[in-house]
Amino acid sequence: MTKQSFATKIFPNDNYPLINVRDYIDYILFIVVCRIFCTYLTTIDF
């Protein structure tokens, strides 16, 4: 299953900007990864 087919199942409307949705999801994942990484760094005892 590709990202486009997955997005099409979530948003069946053909006029919906699928690329914007994928960019938004990538942006959210980036923030989540950064928060986890920062939390991981703060838990290390240098």
Protein backbone atom coordinates (compact mmCIF):
# COMPACT_ATOMS: atom_id res chain seq x y z
CA MET A 1 0.00 0.00 0.00
CA THR A 2 1.45 3.32 -1.08
CA LYS A 3 0.94 6.65 0.64
CA GLN A 4 -1.34 7.89 -2.13
CA SER A 5 -3.70 4.91 -1.97
CA PHE A 6 -3.75 5.16 1.82
CA ALA A 7 -4.60 8.87 1.65
CA THR A 8 -7.26 8.17 -0.99
CA LYS A 9 -8.95 5.70 1.35
CA ILE A 10 -8.98 8.27 4.16
CA PHE A 11 -10.02 11.14 1.88
CA PRO A 12 -12.14 9.68 -0.95
CA ASN A 13 -12.77 13.14 -2.43
CA ASP A 14 -10.67 13.40 -5.62
CA ASN A 15 -10.40 17.17 -5.24
CA TYR A 16 -8.63 16.83 -1.89
CA PRO A 17 -4.93 17.88 -2.05
CA LEU A 18 -3.25 14.58 -1.24
CA ILE A 19 0.25 16.09 -1.41
CA ASN A 20 -0.64 18.63 1.29
CA VAL A 21 -1.96 15.83 3.49
CA ARG A 22 1.26 13.84 3.09
CA ASP A 23 3.37 16.93 3.86
CA TYR A 24 1.24 17.59 6.96
CA ILE A 25 1.64 13.99 8.17
CA ASP A 26 5.41 14.14 7.56
CA TYR A 27 5.52 17.43 9.53
CA ILE A 28 3.67 15.86 12.48
CA LEU A 29 5.96 12.81 12.44
CA PHE A 30 8.99 15.12 12.36
CA ILE A 31 7.76 16.99 15.45
CA VAL A 32 7.04 13.73 17.29
CA VAL A 33 10.51 12.37 16.50
CA CYS A 34 12.14 15.64 17.63
CA ARG A 35 10.22 15.61 20.91
CA ILE A 36 11.14 11.99 21.59
CA PHE A 37 14.78 12.71 20.73
CA CYS A 38 14.89 15.77 23.01
CA THR A 39 13.30 13.82 25.85
CA TYR A 40 15.83 11.04 25.29
CA LEU A 41 18.70 13.53 25.50
CA THR A 42 17.42 15.07 28.72
CA THR A 43 17.17 11.66 30.39
CA ILE A 44 20.84 10.87 29.75
CA ASP A 45 23.12 11.62 32.66
CA PHE A 46 26.28 13.06 31.20
